[in-house]
Amino acid sequence: MPVEELTGGLLSGALRLIWWLLSDLLLEVLIKGTGYLVLRWLRPGSEPSEGAATVAGLCAWAVLGGIGFWLWHAHAA
């Protein structure tokens, strides 16, 4: 019994660490980083907040996804 509990605990901890790294990378770098770049490009003199960078990043990725889907759909037709 203790071996299964130890193995399960180690596997669970490793998977939790991997999930945390992936979600942190996704949220911080891809979404907030993109939003920060977009806001700095639109308003060069101001420092964007985390919330504004997150919203701008989500909007930017949605627009890029829409453009990609439109291009894919136009090419397939």
PDB file of N, CA and C in Angstrom:
ATOM      1  N   MET A   1       0.795  -1.215   0.000  1.00  0.00           N
ATOM      2  CA  MET A   1       0.000   0.000   0.000  1.00  0.00           C
ATOM      3  C   MET A   1       0.833   1.272   0.000  1.00  0.00           C
ATOM      4  N   PRO A   2       1.857   1.409   0.854  1.00  0.00           N
ATOM      5  CA  PRO A   2       2.607   2.666   0.880  1.00  0.00           C
ATOM      6  C   PRO A   2       3.311   2.972  -0.449  1.00  0.00           C
ATOM      7  N   VAL A   3       3.720   1.929  -1.198  1.00  0.00           N
ATOM      8  CA  VAL A   3       4.403   2.157  -2.466  1.00  0.00           C
ATOM      9  C   VAL A   3       3.440   2.788  -3.466  1.00  0.00           C
ATOM     10  N   GLU A   4       2.199   2.305  -3.520  1.00  0.00           N
ATOM     11  CA  GLU A   4       1.216   2.878  -4.437  1.00  0.00           C
ATOM     12  C   GLU A   4       0.887   4.321  -4.060  1.00  0.00           C
ATOM     13  N   GLU A   5       0.796   4.604  -2.773  1.00  0.00           N
ATOM     14  CA  GLU A   5       0.500   5.960  -2.341  1.00  0.00           C
ATOM     15  C   GLU A   5       1.654   6.900  -2.662  1.00  0.00           C
ATOM     16  N   LEU A   6       2.878   6.427  -2.467  1.00  0.00           N
ATOM     17  CA  LEU A   6       4.045   7.238  -2.771  1.00  0.00           C
ATOM     18  C   LEU A   6       4.150   7.496  -4.273  1.00  0.00           C
ATOM     19  N   THR A   7       3.945   6.466  -5.062  1.00  0.00           N
ATOM     20  CA  THR A   7       4.000   6.611  -6.515  1.00  0.00           C
ATOM     21  C   THR A   7       2.892   7.543  -7.001  1.00  0.00           C
ATOM     22  N   GLY A   8       1.692   7.355  -6.487  1.00  0.00           N
ATOM     23  CA  GLY A   8       0.573   8.224  -6.865  1.00  0.00           C
ATOM     24  C   GLY A   8       0.830   9.667  -6.477  1.00  0.00           C
ATOM     25  N   GLY A   9       1.396   9.884  -5.310  1.00  0.00           N
ATOM     26  CA  GLY A   9       1.700  11.239  -4.861  1.00  0.00           C
ATOM     27  C   GLY A   9       2.764  11.902  -5.719  1.00  0.00           C
ATOM     28  N   LEU A  10       3.803  11.142  -6.070  1.00  0.00           N
ATOM     29  CA  LEU A  10       4.862  11.692  -6.916  1.00  0.00           C
ATOM     30  C   LEU A  10       4.349  12.000  -8.319  1.00  0.00           C
ATOM     31  N   LEU A  11       3.556  11.087  -8.863  1.00  0.00           N
ATOM     32  CA  LEU A  11       3.004  11.306 -10.199  1.00  0.00           C
ATOM     33  C   LEU A  11       2.052  12.494 -10.198  1.00  0.00           C
ATOM     34  N   SER A  12       1.229  12.584  -9.179  1.00  0.00           N
ATOM     35  CA  SER A  12       0.297  13.697  -9.070  1.00  0.00           C
ATOM     36  C   SER A  12       1.049  15.024  -8.948  1.00  0.00           C
ATOM     37  N   GLY A  13       2.089  15.052  -8.137  1.00  0.00           N
ATOM     38  CA  GLY A  13       2.881  16.269  -7.987  1.00  0.00           C
ATOM     39  C   GLY A  13       3.581  16.665  -9.272  1.00  0.00           C
ATOM     40  N   ALA A  14       4.110  15.687  -9.992  1.00  0.00           N
ATOM     41  CA  ALA A  14       4.787  15.976 -11.261  1.00  0.00           C
ATOM     42  C   ALA A  14       3.807  16.514 -12.289  1.00  0.00           C
ATOM     43  N   LEU A  15       2.625  15.912 -12.369  1.00  0.00           N
ATOM     44  CA  LEU A  15       1.628  16.384 -13.320  1.00  0.00           C
ATOM     45  C   LEU A  15       1.128  17.785 -12.958  1.00  0.00           C
ATOM     46  N   ARG A  16       0.986  18.047 -11.661  1.00  0.00           N
ATOM     47  CA  ARG A  16       0.576  19.376 -11.210  1.00  0.00           C
ATOM     48  C   ARG A  16       1.627  20.427 -11.566  1.00  0.00           C
ATOM     49  N   LEU A  17       2.910  20.069 -11.431  1.00  0.00           N
ATOM     50  CA  LEU A  17       3.993  20.976 -11.782  1.00  0.00           C
ATOM     51  C   LEU A  17       3.992  21.268 -13.282  1.00  0.00           C
ATOM     52  N   ILE A  18       3.823  20.237 -14.087  1.00  0.00           N
ATOM     53  CA  ILE A  18       3.783  20.418 -15.537  1.00  0.00           C
ATOM     54  C   ILE A  18       2.602  21.294 -15.927  1.00  0.00           C
ATOM     55  N   TRP A  19       1.433  21.039 -15.341  1.00  0.00           N
ATOM     56  CA  TRP A  19       0.245  21.848 -15.637  1.00  0.00           C
ATOM     57  C   TRP A  19       0.458  23.304 -15.240  1.00  0.00           C
ATOM     58  N   TRP A  20       1.072  23.531 -14.072  1.00  0.00           N
ATOM     59  CA  TRP A  20       1.319  24.886 -13.603  1.00  0.00           C
ATOM     60  C   TRP A  20       2.279  25.606 -14.551  1.00  0.00           C
ATOM     61  N   LEU A  21       3.341  24.925 -14.983  1.00  0.00           N
ATOM     62  CA  LEU A  21       4.295  25.545 -15.899  1.00  0.00           C
ATOM     63  C   LEU A  21       3.637  25.902 -17.232  1.00  0.00           C
ATOM     64  N   LEU A  22       2.835  24.997 -17.775  1.00  0.00           N
ATOM     65  CA  LEU A  22       2.184  25.257 -19.052  1.00  0.00           C
ATOM     66  C   LEU A  22       1.163  26.385 -18.942  1.00  0.00           C
ATOM     67  N   SER A  23       0.363  26.373 -17.891  1.00  0.00           N
ATOM     68  CA  SER A  23      -0.649  27.420 -17.746  1.00  0.00           C
ATOM     69  C   SER A  23       0.005  28.766 -17.467  1.00  0.00           C
ATOM     70  N   ASP A  24       1.059  28.782 -16.679  1.00  0.00           N
ATOM     71  CA  ASP A  24       1.757  30.031 -16.399  1.00  0.00           C
ATOM     72  C   ASP A  24       2.414  30.562 -17.666  1.00  0.00           C
ATOM     73  N   LEU A  25       3.017  29.685 -18.434  1.00  0.00           N
ATOM     74  CA  LEU A  25       3.624  30.097 -19.694  1.00  0.00           C
ATOM     75  C   LEU A  25       2.572  30.646 -20.648  1.00  0.00           C
ATOM     76  N   LEU A  26       1.449  29.951 -20.743  1.00  0.00           N
ATOM     77  CA  LEU A  26       0.381  30.384 -21.641  1.00  0.00           C
ATOM     78  C   LEU A  26      -0.171  31.740 -21.231  1.00  0.00           C
ATOM     79  N   LEU A  27      -0.507  31.887 -19.955  1.00  0.00           N
ATOM     80  CA  LEU A  27      -1.131  33.131 -19.506  1.00  0.00           C
ATOM     81  C   LEU A  27      -0.149  34.296 -19.491  1.00  0.00           C
ATOM     82  N   GLU A  28       0.996  34.083 -18.886  1.00  0.00           N
ATOM     83  CA  GLU A  28       1.934  35.185 -18.699  1.00  0.00           C
ATOM     84  C   GLU A  28       2.612  35.610 -19.994  1.00  0.00           C
ATOM     85  N   VAL A  29       3.121  34.656 -20.739  1.00  0.00           N
ATOM     86  CA  VAL A  29       3.930  35.013 -21.899  1.00  0.00           C
ATOM     87  C   VAL A  29       3.071  35.262 -23.126  1.00  0.00           C
ATOM     88  N   LEU A  30       2.230  34.313 -23.467  1.00  0.00           N
ATOM     89  CA  LEU A  30       1.481  34.434 -24.714  1.00  0.00           C
ATOM     90  C   LEU A  30       0.378  35.490 -24.650  1.00  0.00           C
ATOM     91  N   ILE A  31      -0.390  35.470 -23.593  1.00  0.00           N
ATOM     92  CA  ILE A  31      -1.542  36.378 -23.535  1.00  0.00           C
ATOM     93  C   ILE A  31      -1.144  37.756 -22.997  1.00  0.00           C
ATOM     94  N   LYS A  32      -0.578  37.791 -21.783  1.00  0.00           N
ATOM     95  CA  LYS A  32      -0.225  39.090 -21.204  1.00  0.00           C
ATOM     96  C   LYS A  32       0.922  39.754 -21.958  1.00  0.00           C
ATOM     97  N   GLY A  33       1.878  38.969 -22.427  1.00  0.00           N
ATOM     98  CA  GLY A  33       2.995  39.538 -23.178  1.00  0.00           C
ATOM     99  C   GLY A  33       2.536  40.162 -24.484  1.00  0.00           C
ATOM    100  N   THR A  34       1.659  39.461 -25.179  1.00  0.00           N
ATOM    101  CA  THR A  34       1.117  40.008 -26.425  1.00  0.00           C
ATOM    102  C   THR A  34       0.305  41.266 -26.145  1.00  0.00           C
ATOM    103  N   GLY A  35      -0.513  41.229 -25.114  1.00  0.00           N
ATOM    104  CA  GLY A  35      -1.304  42.406 -24.756  1.00  0.00           C
ATOM    105  C   GLY A  35      -0.434  43.586 -24.363  1.00  0.00           C
ATOM    106  N   TYR A  36       0.634  43.306 -23.639  1.00  0.00           N
ATOM    107  CA  TYR A  36       1.558  44.372 -23.254  1.00  0.00           C
ATOM    108  C   TYR A  36       2.182  45.001 -24.495  1.00  0.00           C
ATOM    109  N   LEU A  37       2.615  44.170 -25.443  1.00  0.00           N
ATOM    110  CA  LEU A  37       3.206  44.696 -26.672  1.00  0.00           C
ATOM    111  C   LEU A  37       2.203  45.516 -27.484  1.00  0.00           C
ATOM    112  N   VAL A  38       0.973  45.023 -27.570  1.00  0.00           N
ATOM    113  CA  VAL A  38      -0.059  45.754 -28.319  1.00  0.00           C
ATOM    114  C   VAL A  38      -0.347  47.102 -27.660  1.00  0.00           C
ATOM    115  N   LEU A  39      -0.493  47.112 -26.347  1.00  0.00           N
ATOM    116  CA  LEU A  39      -0.803  48.367 -25.659  1.00  0.00           C
ATOM    117  C   LEU A  39       0.362  49.343 -25.702  1.00  0.00           C
ATOM    118  N   ARG A  40       1.585  48.839 -25.605  1.00  0.00           N
ATOM    119  CA  ARG A  40       2.748  49.723 -25.701  1.00  0.00           C
ATOM    120  C   ARG A  40       2.873  50.311 -27.113  1.00  0.00           C
ATOM    121  N   TRP A  41       2.435  49.544 -28.115  1.00  0.00           N
ATOM    122  CA  TRP A  41       2.469  50.028 -29.491  1.00  0.00           C
ATOM    123  C   TRP A  41       1.380  51.092 -29.710  1.00  0.00           C
ATOM    124  N   LEU A  42       0.195  50.859 -29.117  1.00  0.00           N
ATOM    125  CA  LEU A  42      -0.906  51.804 -29.287  1.00  0.00           C
ATOM    126  C   LEU A  42      -0.738  53.064 -28.442  1.00  0.00           C
ATOM    127  N   ARG A  43      -0.213  52.906 -27.230  1.00  0.00           N
ATOM    128  CA  ARG A  43      -0.025  54.040 -26.316  1.00  0.00           C
ATOM    129  C   ARG A  43       1.419  54.035 -25.794  1.00  0.00           C
ATOM    130  N   PRO A  44       2.348  54.595 -26.537  1.00  0.00           N
ATOM    131  CA  PRO A  44       3.765  54.480 -26.178  1.00  0.00           C
ATOM    132  C   PRO A  44       4.156  55.117 -24.847  1.00  0.00           C
ATOM    133  N   GLY A  45       3.471  56.123 -24.398  1.00  0.00           N
ATOM    134  CA  GLY A  45       3.874  56.829 -23.186  1.00  0.00           C
ATOM    135  C   GLY A  45       3.325  56.265 -21.892  1.00  0.00           C
ATOM    136  N   SER A  46       2.498  55.262 -21.931  1.00  0.00           N
ATOM    137  CA  SER A  46       1.860  54.774 -20.706  1.00  0.00           C
ATOM    138  C   SER A  46       2.282  53.337 -20.394  1.00  0.00           C
ATOM    139  N   GLU A  47       2.136  52.979 -19.134  1.00  0.00           N
ATOM    140  CA  GLU A  47       2.451  51.628 -18.667  1.00  0.00           C
ATOM    141  C   GLU A  47       1.135  50.869 -18.485  1.00  0.00           C
ATOM    142  N   PRO A  48       0.879  49.819 -19.271  1.00  0.00           N
ATOM    143  CA  PRO A  48      -0.388  49.092 -19.166  1.00  0.00           C
ATOM    144  C   PRO A  48      -0.469  48.253 -17.891  1.00  0.00           C
ATOM    145  N   SER A  49      -1.679  48.154 -17.344  1.00  0.00           N
ATOM    146  CA  SER A  49      -1.892  47.314 -16.164  1.00  0.00           C
ATOM    147  C   SER A  49      -1.998  45.854 -16.587  1.00  0.00           C
ATOM    148  N   GLU A  50      -1.963  44.953 -15.604  1.00  0.00           N
ATOM    149  CA  GLU A  50      -2.062  43.522 -15.907  1.00  0.00           C
ATOM    150  C   GLU A  50      -3.401  43.168 -16.528  1.00  0.00           C
ATOM    151  N   GLY A  51      -4.461  43.750 -15.995  1.00  0.00           N
ATOM    152  CA  GLY A  51      -5.793  43.467 -16.522  1.00  0.00           C
ATOM    153  C   GLY A  51      -5.956  43.937 -17.952  1.00  0.00           C
ATOM    154  N   ALA A  52      -5.472  45.148 -18.216  1.00  0.00           N
ATOM    155  CA  ALA A  52      -5.564  45.682 -19.573  1.00  0.00           C
ATOM    156  C   ALA A  52      -4.721  44.858 -20.536  1.00  0.00           C
ATOM    157  N   ALA A  53      -3.543  44.415 -20.090  1.00  0.00           N
ATOM    158  CA  ALA A  53      -2.689  43.596 -20.949  1.00  0.00           C
ATOM    159  C   ALA A  53      -3.337  42.242 -21.229  1.00  0.00           C
ATOM    160  N   THR A  54      -4.013  41.679 -20.241  1.00  0.00           N
ATOM    161  CA  THR A  54      -4.686  40.394 -20.434  1.00  0.00           C
ATOM    162  C   THR A  54      -5.829  40.532 -21.438  1.00  0.00           C
ATOM    163  N   VAL A  55      -6.643  41.552 -21.277  1.00  0.00           N
ATOM    164  CA  VAL A  55      -7.770  41.764 -22.197  1.00  0.00           C
ATOM    165  C   VAL A  55      -7.264  42.053 -23.608  1.00  0.00           C
ATOM    166  N   ALA A  56      -6.250  42.904 -23.710  1.00  0.00           N
ATOM    167  CA  ALA A  56      -5.702  43.228 -25.026  1.00  0.00           C
ATOM    168  C   ALA A  56      -5.067  41.999 -25.670  1.00  0.00           C
ATOM    169  N   GLY A  57      -4.406  41.166 -24.874  1.00  0.00           N
ATOM    170  CA  GLY A  57      -3.813  39.951 -25.409  1.00  0.00           C
ATOM    171  C   GLY A  57      -4.853  38.965 -25.898  1.00  0.00           C
ATOM    172  N   LEU A  58      -5.925  38.795 -25.122  1.00  0.00           N
ATOM    173  CA  LEU A  58      -7.006  37.907 -25.559  1.00  0.00           C
ATOM    174  C   LEU A  58      -7.655  38.415 -26.843  1.00  0.00           C
ATOM    175  N   CYS A  59      -7.873  39.731 -26.917  1.00  0.00           N
ATOM    176  CA  CYS A  59      -8.452  40.309 -28.132  1.00  0.00           C
ATOM    177  C   CYS A  59      -7.512  40.141 -29.323  1.00  0.00           C
ATOM    178  N   ALA A  60      -6.220  40.358 -29.104  1.00  0.00           N
ATOM    179  CA  ALA A  60      -5.253  40.220 -30.196  1.00  0.00           C
ATOM    180  C   ALA A  60      -5.220  38.787 -30.713  1.00  0.00           C
ATOM    181  N   TRP A  61      -5.216  37.797 -29.806  1.00  0.00           N
ATOM    182  CA  TRP A  61      -5.198  36.391 -30.239  1.00  0.00           C
ATOM    183  C   TRP A  61      -6.504  36.011 -30.911  1.00  0.00           C
ATOM    184  N   ALA A  62      -7.628  36.594 -30.461  1.00  0.00           N
ATOM    185  CA  ALA A  62      -8.912  36.319 -31.118  1.00  0.00           C
ATOM    186  C   ALA A  62      -8.913  36.876 -32.539  1.00  0.00           C
ATOM    187  N   VAL A  63      -8.371  38.073 -32.711  1.00  0.00           N
ATOM    188  CA  VAL A  63      -8.294  38.672 -34.045  1.00  0.00           C
ATOM    189  C   VAL A  63      -7.373  37.851 -34.938  1.00  0.00           C
ATOM    190  N   LEU A  64      -6.207  37.462 -34.416  1.00  0.00           N
ATOM    191  CA  LEU A  64      -5.290  36.632 -35.199  1.00  0.00           C
ATOM    192  C   LEU A  64      -5.914  35.291 -35.561  1.00  0.00           C
ATOM    193  N   GLY A  65      -6.643  34.700 -34.628  1.00  0.00           N
ATOM    194  CA  GLY A  65      -7.338  33.444 -34.910  1.00  0.00           C
ATOM    195  C   GLY A  65      -8.408  33.626 -35.968  1.00  0.00           C
ATOM    196  N   GLY A  66      -9.151  34.721 -35.891  1.00  0.00           N
ATOM    197  CA  GLY A  66     -10.173  35.004 -36.897  1.00  0.00           C
ATOM    198  C   GLY A  66      -9.580  35.222 -38.273  1.00  0.00           C
ATOM    199  N   ILE A  67      -8.470  35.943 -38.327  1.00  0.00           N
ATOM    200  CA  ILE A  67      -7.798  36.157 -39.613  1.00  0.00           C
ATOM    201  C   ILE A  67      -7.276  34.833 -40.161  1.00  0.00           C
ATOM    202  N   GLY A  68      -6.700  34.021 -39.296  1.00  0.00           N
ATOM    203  CA  GLY A  68      -6.210  32.714 -39.736  1.00  0.00           C
ATOM    204  C   GLY A  68      -7.330  31.824 -40.241  1.00  0.00           C
ATOM    205  N   PHE A  69      -8.452  31.828 -39.533  1.00  0.00           N
ATOM    206  CA  PHE A  69      -9.592  31.033 -39.975  1.00  0.00           C
ATOM    207  C   PHE A  69     -10.131  31.552 -41.294  1.00  0.00           C
ATOM    208  N   TRP A  70     -10.218  32.870 -41.441  1.00  0.00           N
ATOM    209  CA  TRP A  70     -10.698  33.457 -42.696  1.00  0.00           C
ATOM    210  C   TRP A  70      -9.775  33.095 -43.850  1.00  0.00           C
ATOM    211  N   LEU A  71      -8.474  33.171 -43.643  1.00  0.00           N
ATOM    212  CA  LEU A  71      -7.522  32.817 -44.698  1.00  0.00           C
ATOM    213  C   LEU A  71      -7.631  31.331 -45.060  1.00  0.00           C
ATOM    214  N   TRP A  72      -7.753  30.491 -44.033  1.00  0.00           N
ATOM    215  CA  TRP A  72      -7.885  29.060 -44.272  1.00  0.00           C
ATOM    216  C   TRP A  72      -9.182  28.760 -45.033  1.00  0.00           C
ATOM    217  N   HIS A  73     -10.252  29.398 -44.627  1.00  0.00           N
ATOM    218  CA  HIS A  73     -11.553  29.189 -45.272  1.00  0.00           C
ATOM    219  C   HIS A  73     -11.529  29.716 -46.708  1.00  0.00           C
ATOM    220  N   ALA A  74     -10.907  30.862 -46.940  1.00  0.00           N
ATOM    221  CA  ALA A  74     -10.828  31.434 -48.281  1.00  0.00           C
ATOM    222  C   ALA A  74      -9.954  30.576 -49.194  1.00  0.00           C
ATOM    223  N   HIS A  75      -8.923  29.981 -48.609  1.00  0.00           N
ATOM    224  CA  HIS A  75      -8.045  29.118 -49.408  1.00  0.00           C
ATOM    225  C   HIS A  75      -8.711  27.788 -49.735  1.00  0.00           C
ATOM    226  N   ALA A  76      -9.541  27.286 -48.835  1.00  0.00           N
ATOM    227  CA  ALA A  76     -10.203  25.991 -49.044  1.00  0.00           C
ATOM    228  C   ALA A  76     -11.342  26.101 -50.063  1.00  0.00           C
ATOM    229  N   ALA A  77     -11.892  27.277 -50.219  1.00  0.00           N
ATOM    230  CA  ALA A  77     -13.051  27.438 -51.117  1.00  0.00           C
ATOM    231  C   ALA A  77     -12.669  27.550 -52.562  1.00  0.00           C
TER     232      ALA A  77
END
